[in-house]
Amino acid sequence: MSNDGTATHPSAPVHFEHWCEVEGCNKWGGLGFGKGAQPMRWWCAEHYPHWDRKPDVSQDS
């Protein structure tokens, strides 16, 4: 068996930094939305505009 240096597994996933796009908010933008050829837009849970009811994201459960 030879080892020619060729990887047999996929490369590691790429991590991008997405911050909330609301000005003045420095929270992680974990909720993204993009439609068609539009660029993705990112928001934190507090500012995400695409749900009717905001989930309880408090840590006091």
Foldseek 3Di string as FASTA:
>chain_A
DDCPPDDPDDDDDDDDFAAAPPPPGGHGFPDWDDDDPGDIHTHDLVPDPPDDDRDPPDPPD
